[in-house]
Amino acid sequence: GMDRLVQRNVLAMSGRAVEAAGDVNT
């Protein structure tokens, strides 16, 4: 999941941030 972000030139500082993105409401 973090690797897919890196492939799009997005650096996630933690896996928690990637998970939170999946639960975003707003």
PDB file of all heavy atoms in Angstrom:
ATOM      1  N   GLY A   1       0.821  -1.211   0.000  1.00  0.00           N
ATOM      2  CA  GLY A   1       0.000   0.000   0.000  1.00  0.00           C
ATOM      3  C   GLY A   1       0.845   1.246   0.000  1.00  0.00           C
ATOM      4  O   GLY A   1       0.598   2.190  -0.764  1.00  0.00           O
ATOM      5  N   MET A   2       1.880   1.277   0.843  1.00  0.00           N
ATOM      6  CA  MET A   2       2.791   2.420   0.862  1.00  0.00           C
ATOM      7  C   MET A   2       3.602   2.464  -0.433  1.00  0.00           C
ATOM      8  O   MET A   2       3.898   3.545  -0.948  1.00  0.00           O
ATOM      9  CB  MET A   2       3.718   2.328   2.075  1.00  0.00           C
ATOM     10  CG  MET A   2       2.986   2.439   3.407  1.00  0.00           C
ATOM     11  SD  MET A   2       4.093   2.385   4.841  1.00  0.00           S
ATOM     12  CE  MET A   2       4.956   3.935   4.669  1.00  0.00           C
ATOM     13  N   ASP A   3       3.925   1.280  -0.968  1.00  0.00           N
ATOM     14  CA  ASP A   3       4.690   1.224  -2.212  1.00  0.00           C
ATOM     15  C   ASP A   3       3.906   1.838  -3.367  1.00  0.00           C
ATOM     16  O   ASP A   3       4.466   2.523  -4.220  1.00  0.00           O
ATOM     17  CB  ASP A   3       5.038  -0.232  -2.516  1.00  0.00           C
ATOM     18  CG  ASP A   3       5.678  -0.409  -3.878  1.00  0.00           C
ATOM     19  OD1 ASP A   3       6.779   0.127  -4.075  1.00  0.00           O
ATOM     20  OD2 ASP A   3       5.087  -1.073  -4.743  1.00  0.00           O
ATOM     21  N   ARG A   4       2.589   1.610  -3.402  1.00  0.00           N
ATOM     22  CA  ARG A   4       1.780   2.182  -4.474  1.00  0.00           C
ATOM     23  C   ARG A   4       1.782   3.704  -4.411  1.00  0.00           C
ATOM     24  O   ARG A   4       1.719   4.380  -5.437  1.00  0.00           O
ATOM     25  CB  ARG A   4       0.348   1.636  -4.412  1.00  0.00           C
ATOM     26  CG  ARG A   4       0.215   0.234  -4.977  1.00  0.00           C
ATOM     27  CD  ARG A   4      -1.240  -0.143  -5.171  1.00  0.00           C
ATOM     28  NE  ARG A   4      -1.939  -0.369  -3.918  1.00  0.00           N
ATOM     29  CZ  ARG A   4      -1.923  -1.508  -3.247  1.00  0.00           C
ATOM     30  NH1 ARG A   4      -1.207  -2.525  -3.697  1.00  0.00           N
ATOM     31  NH2 ARG A   4      -2.593  -1.655  -2.134  1.00  0.00           N
ATOM     32  N   LEU A   5       1.851   4.257  -3.204  1.00  0.00           N
ATOM     33  CA  LEU A   5       1.952   5.706  -3.074  1.00  0.00           C
ATOM     34  C   LEU A   5       3.302   6.198  -3.577  1.00  0.00           C
ATOM     35  O   LEU A   5       3.396   7.215  -4.273  1.00  0.00           O
ATOM     36  CB  LEU A   5       1.760   6.128  -1.612  1.00  0.00           C
ATOM     37  CG  LEU A   5       0.327   6.156  -1.087  1.00  0.00           C
ATOM     38  CD1 LEU A   5       0.328   6.546   0.382  1.00  0.00           C
ATOM     39  CD2 LEU A   5      -0.529   7.122  -1.877  1.00  0.00           C
ATOM     40  N   VAL A   6       4.366   5.473  -3.227  1.00  0.00           N
ATOM     41  CA  VAL A   6       5.704   5.875  -3.670  1.00  0.00           C
ATOM     42  C   VAL A   6       5.788   5.845  -5.191  1.00  0.00           C
ATOM     43  O   VAL A   6       6.422   6.692  -5.814  1.00  0.00           O
ATOM     44  CB  VAL A   6       6.782   4.960  -3.042  1.00  0.00           C
ATOM     45  CG1 VAL A   6       8.155   5.264  -3.612  1.00  0.00           C
ATOM     46  CG2 VAL A   6       6.799   5.131  -1.527  1.00  0.00           C
ATOM     47  N   GLN A   7       5.121   4.864  -5.824  1.00  0.00           N
ATOM     48  CA  GLN A   7       5.120   4.789  -7.283  1.00  0.00           C
ATOM     49  C   GLN A   7       4.490   6.042  -7.893  1.00  0.00           C
ATOM     50  O   GLN A   7       4.786   6.399  -9.025  1.00  0.00           O
ATOM     51  CB  GLN A   7       4.352   3.555  -7.741  1.00  0.00           C
ATOM     52  CG  GLN A   7       5.081   2.247  -7.469  1.00  0.00           C
ATOM     53  CD  GLN A   7       4.250   1.050  -7.869  1.00  0.00           C
ATOM     54  OE1 GLN A   7       3.304   1.170  -8.634  1.00  0.00           O
ATOM     55  NE2 GLN A   7       4.594  -0.101  -7.340  1.00  0.00           N
ATOM     56  N   ARG A   8       3.620   6.685  -7.150  1.00  0.00           N
ATOM     57  CA  ARG A   8       2.988   7.922  -7.620  1.00  0.00           C
ATOM     58  C   ARG A   8       3.670   9.152  -7.037  1.00  0.00           C
ATOM     59  O   ARG A   8       3.102  10.239  -6.994  1.00  0.00           O
ATOM     60  CB  ARG A   8       1.502   7.914  -7.263  1.00  0.00           C
ATOM     61  CG  ARG A   8       0.720   6.981  -8.165  1.00  0.00           C
ATOM     62  CD  ARG A   8      -0.591   6.551  -7.536  1.00  0.00           C
ATOM     63  NE  ARG A   8      -1.320   5.681  -8.440  1.00  0.00           N
ATOM     64  CZ  ARG A   8      -1.025   4.397  -8.649  1.00  0.00           C
ATOM     65  NH1 ARG A   8      -0.012   3.852  -8.004  1.00  0.00           N
ATOM     66  NH2 ARG A   8      -1.717   3.672  -9.480  1.00  0.00           N
ATOM     67  N   ASN A   9       4.890   8.962  -6.556  1.00  0.00           N
ATOM     68  CA  ASN A   9       5.691  10.051  -6.013  1.00  0.00           C
ATOM     69  C   ASN A   9       5.035  10.710  -4.807  1.00  0.00           C
ATOM     70  O   ASN A   9       5.121  11.923  -4.612  1.00  0.00           O
ATOM     71  CB  ASN A   9       5.986  11.114  -7.083  1.00  0.00           C
ATOM     72  CG  ASN A   9       7.203  10.749  -7.911  1.00  0.00           C
ATOM     73  OD1 ASN A   9       7.947   9.835  -7.562  1.00  0.00           O
ATOM     74  ND2 ASN A   9       7.412  11.450  -8.996  1.00  0.00           N
ATOM     75  N   VAL A  10       4.358   9.904  -3.985  1.00  0.00           N
ATOM     76  CA  VAL A  10       3.811  10.388  -2.718  1.00  0.00           C
ATOM     77  C   VAL A  10       4.512   9.645  -1.598  1.00  0.00           C
ATOM     78  O   VAL A  10       4.547   8.411  -1.587  1.00  0.00           O
ATOM     79  CB  VAL A  10       2.290  10.166  -2.625  1.00  0.00           C
ATOM     80  CG1 VAL A  10       1.768  10.622  -1.269  1.00  0.00           C
ATOM     81  CG2 VAL A  10       1.575  10.929  -3.735  1.00  0.00           C
ATOM     82  N   LEU A  11       5.087  10.388  -0.675  1.00  0.00           N
ATOM     83  CA  LEU A  11       5.811   9.786   0.439  1.00  0.00           C
ATOM     84  C   LEU A  11       4.928   9.829   1.677  1.00  0.00           C
ATOM     85  O   LEU A  11       4.617  10.906   2.189  1.00  0.00           O
ATOM     86  CB  LEU A  11       7.116  10.549   0.692  1.00  0.00           C
ATOM     87  CG  LEU A  11       7.968  10.030   1.844  1.00  0.00           C
ATOM     88  CD1 LEU A  11       8.460   8.629   1.553  1.00  0.00           C
ATOM     89  CD2 LEU A  11       9.148  10.952   2.090  1.00  0.00           C
ATOM     90  N   ALA A  12       4.495   8.658   2.138  1.00  0.00           N
ATOM     91  CA  ALA A  12       3.689   8.576   3.358  1.00  0.00           C
ATOM     92  C   ALA A  12       4.622   8.389   4.544  1.00  0.00           C
ATOM     93  O   ALA A  12       5.472   7.499   4.547  1.00  0.00           O
ATOM     94  CB  ALA A  12       2.708   7.416   3.266  1.00  0.00           C
ATOM     95  N   MET A  13       4.458   9.243   5.556  1.00  0.00           N
ATOM     96  CA  MET A  13       5.340   9.178   6.708  1.00  0.00           C
ATOM     97  C   MET A  13       5.036   7.985   7.610  1.00  0.00           C
ATOM     98  O   MET A  13       5.813   7.659   8.491  1.00  0.00           O
ATOM     99  CB  MET A  13       5.239  10.477   7.517  1.00  0.00           C
ATOM    100  CG  MET A  13       5.622  11.712   6.717  1.00  0.00           C
ATOM    101  SD  MET A  13       7.287  11.556   6.007  1.00  0.00           S
ATOM    102  CE  MET A  13       7.414  13.090   5.093  1.00  0.00           C
ATOM    103  N   SER A  14       3.885   7.338   7.419  1.00  0.00           N
ATOM    104  CA  SER A  14       3.542   6.169   8.217  1.00  0.00           C
ATOM    105  C   SER A  14       2.441   5.400   7.523  1.00  0.00           C
ATOM    106  O   SER A  14       1.685   5.947   6.716  1.00  0.00           O
ATOM    107  CB  SER A  14       3.073   6.576   9.625  1.00  0.00           C
ATOM    108  OG  SER A  14       1.828   7.250   9.553  1.00  0.00           O
ATOM    109  N   GLY A  15       2.343   4.097   7.847  1.00  0.00           N
ATOM    110  CA  GLY A  15       1.246   3.306   7.332  1.00  0.00           C
ATOM    111  C   GLY A  15      -0.083   3.783   7.881  1.00  0.00           C
ATOM    112  O   GLY A  15      -1.126   3.608   7.251  1.00  0.00           O
ATOM    113  N   ARG A  16      -0.064   4.386   9.077  1.00  0.00           N
ATOM    114  CA  ARG A  16      -1.289   4.913   9.666  1.00  0.00           C
ATOM    115  C   ARG A  16      -1.920   5.955   8.745  1.00  0.00           C
ATOM    116  O   ARG A  16      -3.149   6.028   8.611  1.00  0.00           O
ATOM    117  CB  ARG A  16      -0.972   5.539  11.029  1.00  0.00           C
ATOM    118  CG  ARG A  16      -2.188   6.070  11.771  1.00  0.00           C
ATOM    119  CD  ARG A  16      -1.743   6.893  12.976  1.00  0.00           C
ATOM    120  NE  ARG A  16      -1.023   6.065  13.923  1.00  0.00           N
ATOM    121  CZ  ARG A  16      -1.594   5.474  14.971  1.00  0.00           C
ATOM    122  NH1 ARG A  16      -2.885   5.609  15.169  1.00  0.00           N
ATOM    123  NH2 ARG A  16      -0.879   4.755  15.807  1.00  0.00           N
ATOM    124  N   ALA A  17      -1.081   6.763   8.098  1.00  0.00           N
ATOM    125  CA  ALA A  17      -1.606   7.796   7.197  1.00  0.00           C
ATOM    126  C   ALA A  17      -2.289   7.173   5.989  1.00  0.00           C
ATOM    127  O   ALA A  17      -3.325   7.664   5.525  1.00  0.00           O
ATOM    128  CB  ALA A  17      -0.474   8.720   6.748  1.00  0.00           C
ATOM    129  N   VAL A  18      -1.724   6.075   5.463  1.00  0.00           N
ATOM    130  CA  VAL A  18      -2.323   5.409   4.307  1.00  0.00           C
ATOM    131  C   VAL A  18      -3.681   4.833   4.696  1.00  0.00           C
ATOM    132  O   VAL A  18      -4.662   4.951   3.953  1.00  0.00           O
ATOM    133  CB  VAL A  18      -1.403   4.291   3.778  1.00  0.00           C
ATOM    134  CG1 VAL A  18      -1.977   3.679   2.512  1.00  0.00           C
ATOM    135  CG2 VAL A  18      -0.013   4.838   3.506  1.00  0.00           C
ATOM    136  N   GLU A  19      -3.746   4.195   5.869  1.00  0.00           N
ATOM    137  CA  GLU A  19      -5.012   3.641   6.332  1.00  0.00           C
ATOM    138  C   GLU A  19      -6.046   4.735   6.556  1.00  0.00           C
ATOM    139  O   GLU A  19      -7.216   4.585   6.208  1.00  0.00           O
ATOM    140  CB  GLU A  19      -4.802   2.867   7.630  1.00  0.00           C
ATOM    141  CG  GLU A  19      -4.545   1.403   7.408  1.00  0.00           C
ATOM    142  CD  GLU A  19      -4.606   0.624   8.705  1.00  0.00           C
ATOM    143  OE1 GLU A  19      -5.048   1.174   9.727  1.00  0.00           O
ATOM    144  OE2 GLU A  19      -4.213  -0.551   8.685  1.00  0.00           O
ATOM    145  N   ALA A  20      -5.604   5.837   7.169  1.00  0.00           N
ATOM    146  CA  ALA A  20      -6.532   6.938   7.415  1.00  0.00           C
ATOM    147  C   ALA A  20      -7.107   7.467   6.104  1.00  0.00           C
ATOM    148  O   ALA A  20      -8.283   7.846   6.036  1.00  0.00           O
ATOM    149  CB  ALA A  20      -5.826   8.056   8.181  1.00  0.00           C
ATOM    150  N   ALA A  21      -6.282   7.485   5.054  1.00  0.00           N
ATOM    151  CA  ALA A  21      -6.769   7.939   3.748  1.00  0.00           C
ATOM    152  C   ALA A  21      -7.911   7.063   3.255  1.00  0.00           C
ATOM    153  O   ALA A  21      -8.842   7.539   2.608  1.00  0.00           O
ATOM    154  CB  ALA A  21      -5.627   7.939   2.730  1.00  0.00           C
ATOM    155  N   GLY A  22      -7.859   5.782   3.587  1.00  0.00           N
ATOM    156  CA  GLY A  22      -8.921   4.876   3.170  1.00  0.00           C
ATOM    157  C   GLY A  22     -10.219   5.087   3.918  1.00  0.00           C
ATOM    158  O   GLY A  22     -11.284   4.670   3.451  1.00  0.00           O
ATOM    159  N   ASP A  23     -10.157   5.731   5.086  1.00  0.00           N
ATOM    160  CA  ASP A  23     -11.356   5.956   5.898  1.00  0.00           C
ATOM    161  C   ASP A  23     -11.818   7.405   5.875  1.00  0.00           C
ATOM    162  O   ASP A  23     -12.677   7.801   6.672  1.00  0.00           O
ATOM    163  CB  ASP A  23     -11.088   5.540   7.351  1.00  0.00           C
ATOM    164  CG  ASP A  23     -11.043   4.020   7.510  1.00  0.00           C
ATOM    165  OD1 ASP A  23     -11.774   3.340   6.771  1.00  0.00           O
ATOM    166  OD2 ASP A  23     -10.283   3.529   8.356  1.00  0.00           O
ATOM    167  N   VAL A  24     -11.243   8.224   4.988  1.00  0.00           N
ATOM    168  CA  VAL A  24     -11.563   9.649   4.960  1.00  0.00           C
ATOM    169  C   VAL A  24     -13.041   9.871   4.640  1.00  0.00           C
ATOM    170  O   VAL A  24     -13.608   9.221   3.759  1.00  0.00           O
ATOM    171  CB  VAL A  24     -10.669  10.374   3.929  1.00  0.00           C
ATOM    172  CG1 VAL A  24     -11.270  11.699   3.505  1.00  0.00           C
ATOM    173  CG2 VAL A  24      -9.283  10.584   4.501  1.00  0.00           C
ATOM    174  N   ASN A  25     -13.667  10.788   5.389  1.00  0.00           N
ATOM    175  CA  ASN A  25     -15.072  11.159   5.154  1.00  0.00           C
ATOM    176  C   ASN A  25     -15.212  12.513   4.482  1.00  0.00           C
ATOM    177  O   ASN A  25     -16.190  12.770   3.782  1.00  0.00           O
ATOM    178  CB  ASN A  25     -15.840  11.200   6.479  1.00  0.00           C
ATOM    179  CG  ASN A  25     -15.700   9.918   7.273  1.00  0.00           C
ATOM    180  OD1 ASN A  25     -15.009   9.891   8.284  1.00  0.00           O
ATOM    181  ND2 ASN A  25     -16.349   8.864   6.823  1.00  0.00           N
ATOM    182  N   THR A  26     -14.239  13.417   4.737  1.00  0.00           N
ATOM    183  CA  THR A  26     -14.316  14.776   4.208  1.00  0.00           C
ATOM    184  C   THR A  26     -13.010  15.123   3.514  1.00  0.00           C
ATOM    185  O   THR A  26     -11.927  14.883   4.056  1.00  0.00           O
ATOM    186  CB  THR A  26     -14.585  15.793   5.334  1.00  0.00           C
ATOM    187  OG1 THR A  26     -15.779  15.428   6.020  1.00  0.00           O
ATOM    188  CG2 THR A  26     -14.746  17.198   4.769  1.00  0.00           C
TER     189      THR A  26
END
